[in-house]
Amino acid sequence: MTESKTEPKTDDARLIDRFIERVWSEDGLADRTLEAYRRDLVQLSRWLETRGHGLATATREDLSAYHGSQPVSVRSMARRQSAFRRFYAQLARDEGKKEDPTLLMQRPKMPRGLPKALAEREIEALIVAPDTDTPLGLRDRAMLELMYSSGLRVSELVDLPLAGLNTRQGVLRVTGKGGKDRLVPVGEEALNHVERYMAEARPVLAKGHSQPLALFLTKRGDAMTRQQFWTLVKRYAMQVGIPGKRVSPHVLRHSFATHLLNHGADLRALQMLLGHSALSTTQIYTLVAKEGLKRLHAQHHPRG
């Protein structure tokens, strides 16, 4: 549908401007989201005008009719309803007793996206990218090895205390969501690199600082942050030719889970390793594994 260039009525334009300014100042929404919210409200205003209404006088029936006359994707519908809910909630607060026409609107069911996982060869290239002849490179290699070996969340990795690693037993004590602790085994390759980091690189990074508690340190001797780890993962991905949009720290966790399932891991055991409170959260990875097997079959089977 071609978008009309007609501006909304003065009253509606004022309400939209006030709403956009409010959500920007209170919630700090991204410019792209604000533009989408404005566009959704302007389109609604133009449609309502053809029915003799404005934004302030729209009813639940008006909004239902509008949604029925404007077919869009589920994702666009969810964003549109989010804009309308926030707009009318604010209008109800500002206007006192005004009824909110979005209160009983049914939310669209979003399709559950599959977690993204890298191929095993891509993971291998990413992990060996750091230059382990330097303290920072050795630290980065140890972090990448440990995250992929143990399936940690990025927050769990950067918050890992020095005392959280038992090198003799080869396990980590990890504090996950909700403050729940779990023990996670560390693979031999990862353990070797972490021990080398602790012996050769960490003392250099901690030099001149008073007893830093974090296992992984920056060159200033501070604990690593999620943003810093995200940046280094992106840098190494670009270095080995993996598109940046396909890589994030969480992709290492997804890859850990998917690759374990591909090699026959038990779903309950994987749930414990990942620290999921519900098995249903872990089961999403079985879909990823199945998709990978289907692609493999289609690529190599003579009748695929």
Protein backbone atom coordinates (compact mmCIF):
# COMPACT_ATOMS: atom_id res chain seq x y z
CA MET A 1 0.00 0.00 0.00
CA THR A 2 1.42 3.37 -1.01
CA GLU A 3 1.79 5.68 1.96
CA SER A 4 -0.12 8.94 1.76
CA LYS A 5 1.89 12.13 2.11
CA THR A 6 -0.93 13.82 4.02
CA GLU A 7 0.11 14.91 7.49
CA PRO A 8 -2.05 13.88 10.46
CA LYS A 9 -4.47 16.36 11.95
CA THR A 10 -2.98 19.02 14.20
CA ASP A 11 -4.30 17.44 17.40
CA ASP A 12 -2.97 13.99 16.43
CA ALA A 13 0.39 15.43 15.36
CA ARG A 14 0.71 17.09 18.76
CA LEU A 15 -0.12 13.87 20.60
CA ILE A 16 2.36 11.89 18.51
CA ASP A 17 5.13 14.43 19.08
CA ARG A 18 4.47 14.40 22.82
CA PHE A 19 4.50 10.60 22.91
CA ILE A 20 7.74 10.27 20.93
CA GLU A 21 9.46 12.86 23.11
CA ARG A 22 8.27 11.09 26.26
CA VAL A 23 9.41 7.58 25.31
CA TRP A 24 12.72 8.96 24.08
CA SER A 25 13.42 10.78 27.35
CA GLU A 26 12.09 8.03 29.66
CA ASP A 27 13.17 4.87 27.88
CA GLY A 28 16.01 5.99 25.62
CA LEU A 29 14.64 4.05 22.64
CA ALA A 30 16.77 3.81 19.51
CA ASP A 31 16.12 6.29 16.70
CA ARG A 32 14.99 3.48 14.40
CA THR A 33 12.38 2.34 16.93
CA LEU A 34 11.15 5.90 17.47
CA GLU A 35 10.81 6.39 13.71
CA ALA A 36 8.86 3.14 13.40
CA TYR A 37 6.55 4.14 16.28
CA ARG A 38 5.92 7.54 14.70
CA ARG A 39 5.20 5.98 11.31
CA ASP A 40 2.75 3.48 12.86
CA LEU A 41 0.86 6.22 14.70
CA VAL A 42 0.77 8.55 11.68
CA GLN A 43 -0.68 5.77 9.53
CA LEU A 44 -3.30 4.99 12.17
CA SER A 45 -4.20 8.68 12.43
CA ARG A 46 -4.74 8.96 8.66
CA TRP A 47 -6.91 5.83 8.65
CA LEU A 48 -8.98 7.02 11.61
CA GLU A 49 -9.62 10.34 9.89
CA THR A 50 -11.47 8.50 7.11
CA ARG A 51 -13.83 7.21 9.81
CA GLY A 52 -14.31 10.62 11.40
CA HIS A 53 -12.09 9.87 14.40
CA GLY A 54 -8.74 10.95 15.77
CA LEU A 55 -6.22 9.15 17.93
CA ALA A 56 -7.75 10.47 21.14
CA THR A 57 -11.25 9.24 20.29
CA ALA A 58 -10.38 5.85 18.75
CA THR A 59 -12.25 2.88 20.16
CA ARG A 60 -11.30 -0.77 20.54
CA GLU A 61 -13.48 -1.51 17.50
CA ASP A 62 -11.58 1.10 15.47
CA LEU A 63 -8.25 -0.50 16.27
CA SER A 64 -9.53 -4.00 15.52
CA ALA A 65 -10.89 -2.81 12.17
CA TYR A 66 -7.60 -1.06 11.41
CA HIS A 67 -5.55 -4.19 12.11
CA GLY A 68 -7.90 -6.22 9.93
CA SER A 69 -7.55 -3.81 7.03
CA GLN A 70 -3.75 -3.52 7.20
CA PRO A 71 -2.18 -6.99 6.76
CA VAL A 72 1.47 -7.06 7.83
CA SER A 73 3.99 -9.62 9.06
CA VAL A 74 3.71 -10.97 12.60
CA ARG A 75 6.83 -9.05 13.59
CA SER A 76 5.49 -5.77 12.20
CA MET A 77 2.15 -6.40 13.90
CA ALA A 78 3.92 -6.93 17.23
CA ARG A 79 5.85 -3.67 16.82
CA ARG A 80 2.70 -1.79 15.78
CA GLN A 81 0.77 -3.06 18.78
CA SER A 82 3.66 -2.15 21.05
CA ALA A 83 3.54 1.42 19.73
CA PHE A 84 -0.23 1.62 20.20
CA ARG A 85 -0.16 0.15 23.71
CA ARG A 86 2.49 2.58 24.87
CA PHE A 87 0.77 5.51 23.19
CA TYR A 88 -2.65 4.81 24.72
CA ALA A 89 -1.23 3.95 28.14
CA GLN A 90 0.46 7.36 28.18
CA LEU A 91 -2.69 9.05 26.88
CA ALA A 92 -4.77 7.39 29.63
CA ARG A 93 -2.34 8.69 32.26
CA ASP A 94 -2.30 12.20 30.81
CA GLU A 95 -6.06 12.44 30.22
CA GLY A 96 -7.13 10.87 33.50
CA LYS A 97 -10.22 8.72 32.96
CA LYS A 98 -9.80 8.06 29.23
CA GLU A 99 -10.39 4.38 28.42
CA ASP A 100 -7.43 2.56 26.91
CA PRO A 101 -8.68 0.86 23.68
CA THR A 102 -5.68 -1.49 23.59
CA LEU A 103 -6.28 -3.21 26.94
CA LEU A 104 -8.03 -6.30 25.56
CA MET A 105 -6.17 -6.51 22.27
CA GLN A 106 -4.76 -9.99 21.66
CA ARG A 107 -1.01 -10.06 21.25
CA PRO A 108 0.32 -11.76 18.11
CA LYS A 109 2.30 -14.94 18.67
CA MET A 110 5.87 -14.39 17.58
CA PRO A 111 7.56 -17.31 15.81
CA ARG A 112 10.37 -18.63 17.95
CA GLY A 113 13.64 -18.07 16.15
CA LEU A 114 16.30 -20.76 16.22
CA PRO A 115 19.57 -19.89 17.97
CA LYS A 116 22.41 -19.25 15.55
CA ALA A 117 25.39 -21.59 15.71
CA LEU A 118 28.68 -21.55 13.86
CA ALA A 119 30.04 -24.59 12.07
CA GLU A 120 32.71 -26.49 13.97
CA ARG A 121 35.39 -25.41 11.49
CA GLU A 122 34.38 -21.76 12.02
CA ILE A 123 34.60 -22.15 15.78
CA GLU A 124 38.07 -23.68 15.41
CA ALA A 125 39.24 -20.78 13.22
CA LEU A 126 37.83 -18.22 15.65
CA ILE A 127 39.38 -19.80 18.73
CA VAL A 128 42.90 -20.09 17.29
CA ALA A 129 42.88 -16.51 15.92
CA PRO A 130 44.48 -14.73 18.95
CA ASP A 131 48.26 -14.35 19.05
CA THR A 132 49.18 -16.35 22.15
CA ASP A 133 52.69 -14.90 22.20
CA THR A 134 51.25 -11.75 23.79
CA PRO A 135 49.54 -11.45 27.22
CA LEU A 136 46.33 -10.07 25.71
CA GLY A 137 46.27 -12.69 22.97
CA LEU A 138 46.80 -15.45 25.50
CA ARG A 139 43.96 -14.05 27.60
CA ASP A 140 41.67 -13.89 24.56
CA ARG A 141 42.49 -17.46 23.54
CA ALA A 142 41.78 -18.68 27.08
CA MET A 143 38.44 -16.85 27.19
CA LEU A 144 37.31 -18.17 23.80
CA GLU A 145 38.40 -21.71 24.68
CA LEU A 146 36.64 -21.58 28.05
CA MET A 147 33.39 -20.13 26.76
CA TYR A 148 33.07 -22.70 23.99
CA SER A 149 34.29 -25.55 26.19
CA SER A 150 31.80 -24.85 28.99
CA GLY A 151 28.89 -23.11 27.25
CA LEU A 152 29.00 -20.10 29.56
CA ARG A 153 26.87 -17.01 29.24
CA VAL A 154 29.02 -13.98 28.50
CA SER A 155 28.11 -12.46 31.89
CA GLU A 156 29.19 -15.68 33.61
CA LEU A 157 32.51 -15.62 31.76
CA VAL A 158 33.48 -12.02 32.55
CA ASP A 159 32.20 -12.26 36.14
CA LEU A 160 34.11 -15.50 36.81
CA PRO A 161 36.22 -15.02 39.95
CA LEU A 162 39.74 -16.37 40.23
CA ALA A 163 38.50 -18.73 42.94
CA GLY A 164 35.78 -20.09 40.63
CA LEU A 165 38.18 -22.35 38.74
CA ASN A 166 39.42 -25.61 40.21
CA THR A 167 42.30 -26.57 37.93
CA ARG A 168 42.99 -29.83 39.77
CA GLN A 169 39.47 -31.16 39.21
CA GLY A 170 38.96 -29.31 35.93
CA VAL A 171 35.65 -27.69 36.89
CA LEU A 172 34.18 -24.22 37.19
CA ARG A 173 31.82 -23.00 39.86
CA VAL A 174 29.55 -20.65 37.93
CA THR A 175 26.92 -18.29 39.33
CA GLY A 176 24.15 -18.09 36.76
CA LYS A 177 20.76 -16.42 36.50
CA GLY A 178 18.93 -15.97 39.77
CA GLY A 179 22.17 -16.38 41.70
CA LYS A 180 22.12 -20.17 41.19
CA ASP A 181 25.50 -21.91 41.33
CA ARG A 182 26.41 -24.87 39.14
CA LEU A 183 29.53 -26.90 38.47
CA VAL A 184 30.65 -27.03 34.84
CA PRO A 185 33.45 -29.25 33.52
CA VAL A 186 36.26 -27.65 31.53
CA GLY A 187 37.73 -29.43 28.51
CA GLU A 188 41.41 -30.35 28.56
CA GLU A 189 42.35 -27.96 25.74
CA ALA A 190 40.57 -25.05 27.42
CA LEU A 191 42.08 -25.91 30.80
CA ASN A 192 45.59 -25.92 29.31
CA HIS A 193 45.13 -22.43 27.87
CA VAL A 194 43.55 -21.05 31.03
CA GLU A 195 46.40 -22.42 33.14
CA ARG A 196 48.94 -20.92 30.79
CA TYR A 197 47.09 -17.58 30.93
CA MET A 198 47.10 -17.69 34.72
CA ALA A 199 50.81 -18.48 34.83
CA GLU A 200 52.12 -16.18 32.09
CA ALA A 201 49.62 -13.44 31.21
CA ARG A 202 47.49 -12.69 34.25
CA PRO A 203 50.42 -11.69 36.50
CA VAL A 204 51.47 -9.18 33.82
CA LEU A 205 47.96 -7.72 33.54
CA ALA A 206 47.51 -7.63 37.34
CA LYS A 207 50.89 -6.00 37.99
CA GLY A 208 50.59 -2.92 40.19
CA HIS A 209 46.98 -3.65 41.12
CA SER A 210 45.75 -4.77 44.51
CA GLN A 211 44.58 -8.39 44.46
CA PRO A 212 42.12 -8.28 41.51
CA LEU A 213 39.48 -10.96 42.10
CA ALA A 214 38.33 -11.50 38.51
CA LEU A 215 39.90 -14.33 36.54
CA PHE A 216 40.11 -12.39 33.27
CA LEU A 217 41.63 -8.91 33.34
CA THR A 218 42.02 -6.00 30.96
CA LYS A 219 45.38 -4.41 30.27
CA ARG A 220 44.51 -1.94 33.04
CA GLY A 221 44.08 -4.76 35.53
CA ASP A 222 40.29 -4.40 35.72
CA ALA A 223 37.70 -7.12 35.21
CA MET A 224 36.61 -7.61 31.61
CA THR A 225 33.17 -6.31 30.66
CA ARG A 226 30.61 -7.92 28.35
CA GLN A 227 31.08 -5.09 25.87
CA GLN A 228 34.85 -5.57 25.78
CA PHE A 229 34.49 -9.29 25.19
CA TRP A 230 31.88 -8.67 22.48
CA THR A 231 34.33 -6.32 20.74
CA LEU A 232 37.20 -8.80 20.77
CA VAL A 233 34.96 -11.63 19.48
CA LYS A 234 33.88 -9.41 16.57
CA ARG A 235 37.48 -8.47 15.84
CA TYR A 236 38.67 -12.06 15.66
CA ALA A 237 35.65 -13.05 13.57
CA MET A 238 36.51 -10.40 10.98
CA GLN A 239 40.14 -11.53 11.10
CA VAL A 240 39.22 -15.09 10.06
CA GLY A 241 36.56 -14.07 7.55
CA ILE A 242 33.37 -14.78 9.50
CA PRO A 243 30.73 -12.05 8.85
CA GLY A 244 30.32 -9.89 11.94
CA LYS A 245 26.53 -10.09 11.86
CA ARG A 246 26.79 -13.87 12.41
CA VAL A 247 28.98 -13.65 15.49
CA SER A 248 28.42 -12.59 19.07
CA PRO A 249 29.57 -13.98 22.41
CA HIS A 250 26.22 -15.74 22.79
CA VAL A 251 26.78 -17.54 19.48
CA LEU A 252 29.64 -19.40 21.18
CA ARG A 253 27.16 -20.69 23.77
CA HIS A 254 24.69 -21.67 21.06
CA SER A 255 27.45 -23.44 19.15
CA PHE A 256 28.53 -25.33 22.29
CA ALA A 257 25.00 -26.63 22.83
CA THR A 258 24.33 -27.46 19.19
CA HIS A 259 27.63 -29.26 18.67
CA LEU A 260 27.17 -31.34 21.83
CA LEU A 261 23.75 -32.49 20.63
CA ASN A 262 25.14 -33.24 17.18
CA HIS A 263 27.65 -35.55 18.85
CA GLY A 264 25.02 -37.39 20.88
CA ALA A 265 24.83 -35.47 24.18
CA ASP A 266 21.88 -36.16 26.50
CA LEU A 267 19.37 -33.30 26.63
CA ARG A 268 19.05 -33.42 30.43
CA ALA A 269 22.82 -33.26 30.83
CA LEU A 270 22.93 -30.30 28.45
CA GLN A 271 20.25 -28.56 30.51
CA MET A 272 22.46 -28.85 33.60
CA LEU A 273 25.55 -27.62 31.74
CA LEU A 274 23.74 -24.57 30.38
CA GLY A 275 22.06 -23.77 33.70
CA HIS A 276 18.53 -23.77 32.26
CA SER A 277 15.80 -24.01 34.88
CA ALA A 278 13.35 -25.56 32.39
CA LEU A 279 14.02 -28.37 29.93
CA SER A 280 11.82 -26.61 27.35
CA THR A 281 14.44 -23.88 27.08
CA THR A 282 17.10 -26.45 26.22
CA GLN A 283 14.89 -28.29 23.73
CA ILE A 284 15.17 -25.45 21.22
CA TYR A 285 18.68 -26.71 20.47
CA THR A 286 17.30 -30.02 19.24
CA LEU A 287 15.64 -28.06 16.44
CA VAL A 288 18.97 -26.49 15.53
CA ALA A 289 20.62 -29.91 15.47
CA LYS A 290 17.84 -31.35 13.31
CA GLU A 291 18.12 -28.47 10.84
CA GLY A 292 21.84 -29.11 10.56
CA LEU A 293 21.28 -32.83 9.92
CA LYS A 294 18.67 -32.06 7.26
CA ARG A 295 21.09 -29.74 5.44
CA LEU A 296 23.81 -32.39 5.65
CA HIS A 297 21.48 -35.02 4.25
CA ALA A 298 20.30 -32.78 1.42
CA GLN A 299 23.89 -31.88 0.53
CA HIS A 300 25.44 -35.36 0.54
CA HIS A 301 22.72 -37.98 0.12
CA PRO A 302 22.42 -39.20 -3.50
CA ARG A 303 18.65 -38.78 -3.33
CA GLY A 304 18.70 -35.75 -1.07
